[in-house]
Each structure stands twice: as structure tokens, then as C-alpha cells.
Amino acid sequence: QVQLVESGGGLVQAGGSLRLSCAASGRTFSSLAMGWFRQAPGKEREFVTAISSSGSNTYYADSVEGRFTISRDNAENTVYLQMNSLKPEDTAIYYCAAVIAYYRNTYYVRRYEYNYWGQGTQVTVSS
């Protein structure tokens, strides 16, 4: 079993930055591919970004490409989401997700591919 705990959410003005963290426990972190998803009120949970277990490969949704950066520290069992140039439409609950990766350089973009989820952290961007 894998436990995921997100932190770092909050209220920020448009154009500002936030860094989310997701601490993992319960399994060797380097065996997990990780992802971030978000869910705005009244909308479905959507993919934001993903990173392979090796950290060598990443992928971003078009809506965040160039503004958000995913990274991981396997020594700290933590994945990060650096969010810059935030927009009001980025307001959502952000969820960290994990899946046991059979290939070290593979990332996953679909919700159903992930087995483990955090409880979410609220990000609110004011205009």
C-alpha cells in the first residue's frame, strides 16, 4: 500500500507561484511513476502532469505546458509541482497520484492507470 500526502496549496494572486509537494510512503519511491491531477468545482478530474519513476521523462497537459514543472527527489520520497504564472482557471483541488512502474522511463496520463491517490490540496488563484 502506498500513502500519499500533498502539501503546499493556498491562495495566490494571478501571476504568482506555488510549489506543491507530495510525500510518499509504503513502497520504494523509485519504483513509482507519479502524476498530478486537478479538479475544479463542477468539473471532472483532469490530468496535469506526470513523471516516470526514473525522473527522466515528463509530460504536461497543454494548459500548463511552459508554466508548471514536475520533479522528484527519490532520496526524499517526494514529488513536486512548481506552478508559475498562475491563472484563475488553475483554481482547483490538486491531487497527487502514484502507480507501480514496470518500465523506469514510462509516465502515465490516464486516471485509471493510477492505483494510489492523495487527499488533495486546494489551490486558489485570485484575479
N, C-alpha and C. Protein backbone atom coordinates (compact mmCIF):
# COMPACT_ATOMS: atom_id res chain seq x y z
N GLN A 1 0.84 -1.19 0.00
CA GLN A 1 0.00 0.00 0.00
C GLN A 1 0.88 1.25 0.00
N VAL A 2 0.45 2.23 -0.72
CA VAL A 2 1.18 3.49 -0.83
C VAL A 2 0.34 4.61 -0.25
N GLN A 3 0.95 5.40 0.59
CA GLN A 3 0.28 6.57 1.14
C GLN A 3 0.90 7.83 0.54
N LEU A 4 0.02 8.76 0.15
CA LEU A 4 0.46 10.00 -0.47
C LEU A 4 -0.14 11.17 0.30
N VAL A 5 0.71 12.13 0.62
CA VAL A 5 0.24 13.31 1.35
C VAL A 5 0.72 14.56 0.64
N GLU A 6 -0.24 15.34 0.15
CA GLU A 6 0.09 16.59 -0.55
C GLU A 6 0.17 17.75 0.44
N SER A 7 0.94 18.76 0.07
CA SER A 7 1.01 19.99 0.84
C SER A 7 1.43 21.11 -0.09
N GLY A 8 1.27 22.34 0.40
CA GLY A 8 1.74 23.49 -0.36
C GLY A 8 0.68 24.30 -1.06
N GLY A 9 -0.56 23.86 -0.99
CA GLY A 9 -1.62 24.63 -1.61
C GLY A 9 -1.89 25.91 -0.84
N GLY A 10 -2.72 26.76 -1.46
CA GLY A 10 -3.06 28.03 -0.81
C GLY A 10 -3.71 28.99 -1.76
N LEU A 11 -3.76 30.24 -1.31
CA LEU A 11 -4.35 31.33 -2.09
C LEU A 11 -3.23 32.20 -2.65
N VAL A 12 -3.30 32.47 -3.93
CA VAL A 12 -2.26 33.28 -4.59
C VAL A 12 -2.91 34.16 -5.64
N GLN A 13 -2.31 35.32 -5.89
CA GLN A 13 -2.83 36.19 -6.94
C GLN A 13 -2.40 35.69 -8.31
N ALA A 14 -3.18 36.06 -9.30
CA ALA A 14 -2.84 35.71 -10.67
C ALA A 14 -1.43 36.22 -10.99
N GLY A 15 -0.67 35.37 -11.68
CA GLY A 15 0.71 35.69 -11.99
C GLY A 15 1.70 35.19 -10.97
N GLY A 16 1.21 34.76 -9.82
CA GLY A 16 2.05 34.28 -8.75
C GLY A 16 2.46 32.83 -8.93
N SER A 17 3.15 32.31 -7.91
CA SER A 17 3.69 30.96 -7.96
C SER A 17 3.37 30.20 -6.68
N LEU A 18 3.30 28.90 -6.82
CA LEU A 18 3.18 27.99 -5.69
C LEU A 18 3.97 26.73 -6.00
N ARG A 19 4.44 26.07 -4.95
CA ARG A 19 5.06 24.76 -5.14
C ARG A 19 4.33 23.75 -4.27
N LEU A 20 3.79 22.75 -4.93
CA LEU A 20 3.14 21.66 -4.23
C LEU A 20 4.14 20.53 -4.00
N SER A 21 3.96 19.84 -2.89
CA SER A 21 4.77 18.66 -2.58
C SER A 21 3.86 17.48 -2.33
N CYS A 22 4.37 16.31 -2.62
CA CYS A 22 3.64 15.07 -2.35
C CYS A 22 4.63 14.08 -1.78
N ALA A 23 4.45 13.75 -0.52
CA ALA A 23 5.33 12.80 0.15
C ALA A 23 4.71 11.41 0.09
N ALA A 24 5.51 10.46 -0.32
CA ALA A 24 5.04 9.08 -0.48
C ALA A 24 5.68 8.18 0.57
N SER A 25 4.93 7.17 0.97
CA SER A 25 5.44 6.16 1.90
C SER A 25 4.75 4.84 1.61
N GLY A 26 5.36 3.78 2.11
CA GLY A 26 4.75 2.47 1.98
C GLY A 26 5.33 1.59 0.89
N ARG A 27 6.12 2.17 0.02
CA ARG A 27 6.75 1.40 -1.04
C ARG A 27 7.98 2.16 -1.51
N THR A 28 8.93 1.44 -2.09
CA THR A 28 10.12 2.09 -2.61
C THR A 28 9.73 3.15 -3.64
N PHE A 29 10.03 4.41 -3.30
CA PHE A 29 9.55 5.52 -4.12
C PHE A 29 10.06 5.44 -5.54
N SER A 30 11.27 4.96 -5.72
CA SER A 30 11.85 4.92 -7.06
C SER A 30 11.17 3.91 -7.97
N SER A 31 10.28 3.11 -7.42
CA SER A 31 9.53 2.16 -8.24
C SER A 31 8.20 2.74 -8.72
N LEU A 32 7.89 3.95 -8.30
CA LEU A 32 6.60 4.58 -8.58
C LEU A 32 6.71 5.65 -9.65
N ALA A 33 5.86 5.56 -10.66
CA ALA A 33 5.64 6.70 -11.54
C ALA A 33 4.59 7.58 -10.88
N MET A 34 4.75 8.89 -11.04
CA MET A 34 3.91 9.82 -10.31
C MET A 34 3.19 10.78 -11.25
N GLY A 35 2.08 11.29 -10.79
CA GLY A 35 1.33 12.26 -11.59
C GLY A 35 0.60 13.25 -10.71
N TRP A 36 0.23 14.36 -11.31
CA TRP A 36 -0.63 15.35 -10.68
C TRP A 36 -1.88 15.51 -11.53
N PHE A 37 -3.00 15.54 -10.83
CA PHE A 37 -4.29 15.81 -11.46
C PHE A 37 -4.94 16.96 -10.69
N ARG A 38 -5.98 17.54 -11.27
CA ARG A 38 -6.71 18.58 -10.57
C ARG A 38 -8.19 18.49 -10.90
N GLN A 39 -8.98 19.02 -9.95
CA GLN A 39 -10.42 19.00 -10.13
C GLN A 39 -11.00 20.32 -9.67
N ALA A 40 -11.59 21.03 -10.62
CA ALA A 40 -12.25 22.29 -10.31
C ALA A 40 -13.72 22.01 -9.98
N PRO A 41 -14.37 22.92 -9.26
CA PRO A 41 -15.78 22.70 -8.89
C PRO A 41 -16.65 22.46 -10.12
N GLY A 42 -17.44 21.39 -10.06
CA GLY A 42 -18.35 21.08 -11.15
C GLY A 42 -17.70 20.46 -12.37
N LYS A 43 -16.43 20.16 -12.28
CA LYS A 43 -15.72 19.58 -13.43
C LYS A 43 -15.11 18.24 -13.06
N GLU A 44 -14.76 17.48 -14.10
CA GLU A 44 -14.12 16.20 -13.87
C GLU A 44 -12.65 16.41 -13.50
N ARG A 45 -12.10 15.42 -12.83
CA ARG A 45 -10.68 15.45 -12.51
C ARG A 45 -9.89 15.32 -13.81
N GLU A 46 -8.92 16.19 -13.98
CA GLU A 46 -8.16 16.21 -15.23
C GLU A 46 -6.66 16.05 -14.98
N PHE A 47 -6.01 15.53 -15.96
CA PHE A 47 -4.56 15.33 -15.92
C PHE A 47 -3.84 16.67 -16.00
N VAL A 48 -2.78 16.80 -15.20
CA VAL A 48 -1.94 17.99 -15.23
C VAL A 48 -0.54 17.66 -15.76
N THR A 49 0.12 16.72 -15.10
CA THR A 49 1.48 16.38 -15.48
C THR A 49 1.86 15.03 -14.89
N ALA A 50 2.90 14.41 -15.45
CA ALA A 50 3.36 13.12 -14.96
C ALA A 50 4.86 13.01 -15.12
N ILE A 51 5.45 12.12 -14.32
CA ILE A 51 6.89 11.90 -14.37
C ILE A 51 7.15 10.41 -14.20
N SER A 52 8.12 9.91 -14.94
CA SER A 52 8.47 8.50 -14.85
C SER A 52 9.17 8.20 -13.53
N SER A 53 9.27 6.92 -13.21
CA SER A 53 9.90 6.55 -11.94
C SER A 53 11.37 6.95 -11.90
N SER A 54 12.01 6.94 -13.04
CA SER A 54 13.42 7.34 -13.11
C SER A 54 13.59 8.85 -13.04
N GLY A 55 12.52 9.58 -13.33
CA GLY A 55 12.59 11.03 -13.38
C GLY A 55 13.06 11.58 -14.70
N SER A 56 13.37 10.69 -15.64
CA SER A 56 13.96 11.14 -16.90
C SER A 56 12.92 11.66 -17.89
N ASN A 57 11.69 11.21 -17.74
CA ASN A 57 10.65 11.60 -18.69
C ASN A 57 9.48 12.27 -17.98
N THR A 58 9.00 13.34 -18.58
CA THR A 58 7.85 14.07 -18.06
C THR A 58 6.89 14.40 -19.19
N TYR A 59 5.65 14.72 -18.81
CA TYR A 59 4.64 15.08 -19.79
C TYR A 59 3.68 16.06 -19.14
N TYR A 60 3.20 17.02 -19.94
CA TYR A 60 2.34 18.07 -19.41
C TYR A 60 1.08 18.22 -20.25
N ALA A 61 0.00 18.57 -19.59
CA ALA A 61 -1.19 18.99 -20.31
C ALA A 61 -0.89 20.30 -21.02
N ASP A 62 -1.54 20.51 -22.15
CA ASP A 62 -1.30 21.73 -22.92
C ASP A 62 -1.57 22.98 -22.10
N SER A 63 -2.55 22.90 -21.22
CA SER A 63 -2.97 24.07 -20.44
C SER A 63 -1.91 24.54 -19.45
N VAL A 64 -0.95 23.69 -19.12
CA VAL A 64 0.06 24.07 -18.13
C VAL A 64 1.48 24.04 -18.70
N GLU A 65 1.63 23.55 -19.91
CA GLU A 65 2.95 23.46 -20.53
C GLU A 65 3.64 24.82 -20.51
N GLY A 66 4.87 24.84 -20.06
CA GLY A 66 5.64 26.09 -20.02
C GLY A 66 5.45 26.89 -18.74
N ARG A 67 4.45 26.54 -17.94
CA ARG A 67 4.21 27.25 -16.67
C ARG A 67 4.46 26.36 -15.46
N PHE A 68 4.15 25.09 -15.59
CA PHE A 68 4.30 24.15 -14.48
C PHE A 68 5.50 23.23 -14.74
N THR A 69 6.13 22.80 -13.66
CA THR A 69 7.25 21.87 -13.76
C THR A 69 7.10 20.79 -12.70
N ILE A 70 7.14 19.54 -13.13
CA ILE A 70 7.12 18.42 -12.20
C ILE A 70 8.55 17.94 -12.01
N SER A 71 8.85 17.54 -10.77
CA SER A 71 10.17 16.99 -10.48
C SER A 71 10.02 16.02 -9.32
N ARG A 72 11.06 15.25 -9.09
CA ARG A 72 11.01 14.29 -7.99
C ARG A 72 12.37 14.17 -7.34
N ASP A 73 12.34 13.86 -6.07
CA ASP A 73 13.55 13.60 -5.30
C ASP A 73 13.39 12.21 -4.70
N ASN A 74 14.02 11.24 -5.32
CA ASN A 74 13.84 9.87 -4.86
C ASN A 74 14.47 9.64 -3.49
N ALA A 75 15.44 10.43 -3.12
CA ALA A 75 16.05 10.30 -1.80
C ALA A 75 15.11 10.81 -0.70
N GLU A 76 14.23 11.76 -1.08
CA GLU A 76 13.28 12.34 -0.13
C GLU A 76 11.88 11.76 -0.27
N ASN A 77 11.71 10.83 -1.21
CA ASN A 77 10.39 10.20 -1.44
C ASN A 77 9.31 11.24 -1.71
N THR A 78 9.67 12.23 -2.50
CA THR A 78 8.76 13.34 -2.72
C THR A 78 8.73 13.74 -4.19
N VAL A 79 7.55 14.08 -4.65
CA VAL A 79 7.39 14.66 -5.98
C VAL A 79 6.87 16.09 -5.79
N TYR A 80 7.32 16.97 -6.67
CA TYR A 80 6.99 18.38 -6.57
C TYR A 80 6.26 18.86 -7.82
N LEU A 81 5.46 19.89 -7.64
CA LEU A 81 4.85 20.57 -8.76
C LEU A 81 5.07 22.07 -8.56
N GLN A 82 5.98 22.62 -9.35
CA GLN A 82 6.24 24.05 -9.33
C GLN A 82 5.28 24.72 -10.31
N MET A 83 4.48 25.63 -9.81
CA MET A 83 3.46 26.29 -10.63
C MET A 83 3.77 27.77 -10.70
N ASN A 84 4.07 28.25 -11.89
CA ASN A 84 4.38 29.66 -12.12
C ASN A 84 3.32 30.28 -13.02
N SER A 85 3.28 31.60 -13.03
CA SER A 85 2.34 32.33 -13.88
C SER A 85 0.92 31.80 -13.72
N LEU A 86 0.52 31.65 -12.51
CA LEU A 86 -0.79 31.06 -12.22
C LEU A 86 -1.92 31.93 -12.72
N LYS A 87 -2.98 31.26 -13.16
CA LYS A 87 -4.17 31.91 -13.70
C LYS A 87 -5.37 31.51 -12.86
N PRO A 88 -6.42 32.33 -12.86
CA PRO A 88 -7.63 31.95 -12.11
C PRO A 88 -8.18 30.59 -12.52
N GLU A 89 -8.01 30.22 -13.78
CA GLU A 89 -8.50 28.92 -14.24
C GLU A 89 -7.68 27.75 -13.72
N ASP A 90 -6.59 28.02 -13.05
CA ASP A 90 -5.82 26.96 -12.39
C ASP A 90 -6.41 26.60 -11.03
N THR A 91 -7.40 27.35 -10.58
CA THR A 91 -8.03 27.08 -9.29
C THR A 91 -8.67 25.70 -9.30
N ALA A 92 -8.29 24.89 -8.32
CA ALA A 92 -8.78 23.51 -8.26
C ALA A 92 -8.20 22.84 -7.02
N ILE A 93 -8.70 21.65 -6.75
CA ILE A 93 -8.03 20.77 -5.80
C ILE A 93 -7.02 19.96 -6.61
N TYR A 94 -5.80 19.95 -6.14
CA TYR A 94 -4.73 19.23 -6.84
C TYR A 94 -4.44 17.93 -6.11
N TYR A 95 -4.42 16.85 -6.88
CA TYR A 95 -4.21 15.52 -6.35
C TYR A 95 -2.91 14.92 -6.88
N CYS A 96 -2.20 14.30 -5.98
CA CYS A 96 -1.01 13.53 -6.33
C CYS A 96 -1.46 12.08 -6.54
N ALA A 97 -0.85 11.40 -7.50
CA ALA A 97 -1.20 10.01 -7.78
C ALA A 97 0.06 9.20 -8.06
N ALA A 98 -0.04 7.89 -7.80
CA ALA A 98 1.12 7.01 -7.99
C ALA A 98 0.69 5.69 -8.60
N VAL A 99 1.61 5.11 -9.34
CA VAL A 99 1.40 3.79 -9.91
C VAL A 99 2.73 3.06 -9.92
N ILE A 100 2.69 1.77 -9.64
CA ILE A 100 3.91 0.97 -9.70
C ILE A 100 4.33 0.85 -11.16
N ALA A 101 5.54 1.29 -11.43
CA ALA A 101 6.00 1.35 -12.81
C ALA A 101 6.83 0.13 -13.15
N TYR A 102 6.47 -0.53 -14.26
CA TYR A 102 7.25 -1.68 -14.70
C TYR A 102 8.39 -1.28 -15.62
N TYR A 103 8.27 -0.09 -16.17
CA TYR A 103 9.34 0.44 -17.01
C TYR A 103 9.75 1.79 -16.44
N ARG A 104 11.03 1.97 -16.20
CA ARG A 104 11.52 3.13 -15.46
C ARG A 104 11.33 4.45 -16.20
N ASN A 105 11.19 4.41 -17.50
CA ASN A 105 11.11 5.65 -18.27
C ASN A 105 9.70 5.94 -18.79
N THR A 106 8.73 5.23 -18.26
CA THR A 106 7.34 5.41 -18.70
C THR A 106 6.59 6.32 -17.75
N TYR A 107 5.81 7.25 -18.31
CA TYR A 107 4.89 8.04 -17.50
C TYR A 107 3.46 7.65 -17.89
N TYR A 108 2.51 8.05 -17.05
CA TYR A 108 1.12 7.65 -17.24
C TYR A 108 0.25 8.90 -17.19
N VAL A 109 -0.73 8.98 -18.08
CA VAL A 109 -1.54 10.21 -18.19
C VAL A 109 -3.01 9.99 -17.91
N ARG A 110 -3.45 8.75 -17.78
CA ARG A 110 -4.87 8.48 -17.60
C ARG A 110 -5.18 8.18 -16.14
N ARG A 111 -6.30 8.68 -15.68
CA ARG A 111 -6.69 8.49 -14.28
C ARG A 111 -6.71 7.02 -13.90
N TYR A 112 -7.25 6.17 -14.77
CA TYR A 112 -7.44 4.77 -14.41
C TYR A 112 -6.11 4.01 -14.32
N GLU A 113 -5.05 4.61 -14.79
CA GLU A 113 -3.75 3.95 -14.72
C GLU A 113 -3.13 4.06 -13.33
N TYR A 114 -3.64 4.97 -12.52
CA TYR A 114 -3.07 5.21 -11.20
C TYR A 114 -3.83 4.42 -10.13
N ASN A 115 -3.07 3.82 -9.23
CA ASN A 115 -3.65 3.00 -8.18
C ASN A 115 -3.82 3.73 -6.85
N TYR A 116 -2.99 4.74 -6.64
CA TYR A 116 -2.94 5.39 -5.34
C TYR A 116 -3.11 6.89 -5.51
N TRP A 117 -3.88 7.47 -4.57
CA TRP A 117 -4.20 8.89 -4.63
C TRP A 117 -4.02 9.54 -3.27
N GLY A 118 -3.61 10.80 -3.29
CA GLY A 118 -3.59 11.59 -2.08
C GLY A 118 -4.95 12.20 -1.81
N GLN A 119 -5.03 12.95 -0.73
CA GLN A 119 -6.31 13.53 -0.32
C GLN A 119 -6.58 14.86 -1.00
N GLY A 120 -5.58 15.43 -1.63
CA GLY A 120 -5.75 16.67 -2.37
C GLY A 120 -5.38 17.89 -1.56
N THR A 121 -4.98 18.93 -2.28
CA THR A 121 -4.67 20.22 -1.66
C THR A 121 -5.28 21.33 -2.52
N GLN A 122 -5.91 22.29 -1.88
CA GLN A 122 -6.63 23.34 -2.58
C GLN A 122 -5.67 24.42 -3.07
N VAL A 123 -5.81 24.78 -4.33
CA VAL A 123 -5.10 25.91 -4.91
C VAL A 123 -6.14 26.90 -5.41
N THR A 124 -6.06 28.12 -4.94
CA THR A 124 -6.99 29.16 -5.37
C THR A 124 -6.20 30.33 -5.91
N VAL A 125 -6.52 30.72 -7.14
CA VAL A 125 -5.83 31.83 -7.79
C VAL A 125 -6.84 32.96 -7.98
N SER A 126 -6.57 34.09 -7.35
CA SER A 126 -7.48 35.22 -7.45
C SER A 126 -7.07 36.14 -8.60
N SER A 127 -8.07 36.76 -9.19
CA SER A 127 -7.80 37.65 -10.34
C SER A 127 -7.54 39.07 -9.89
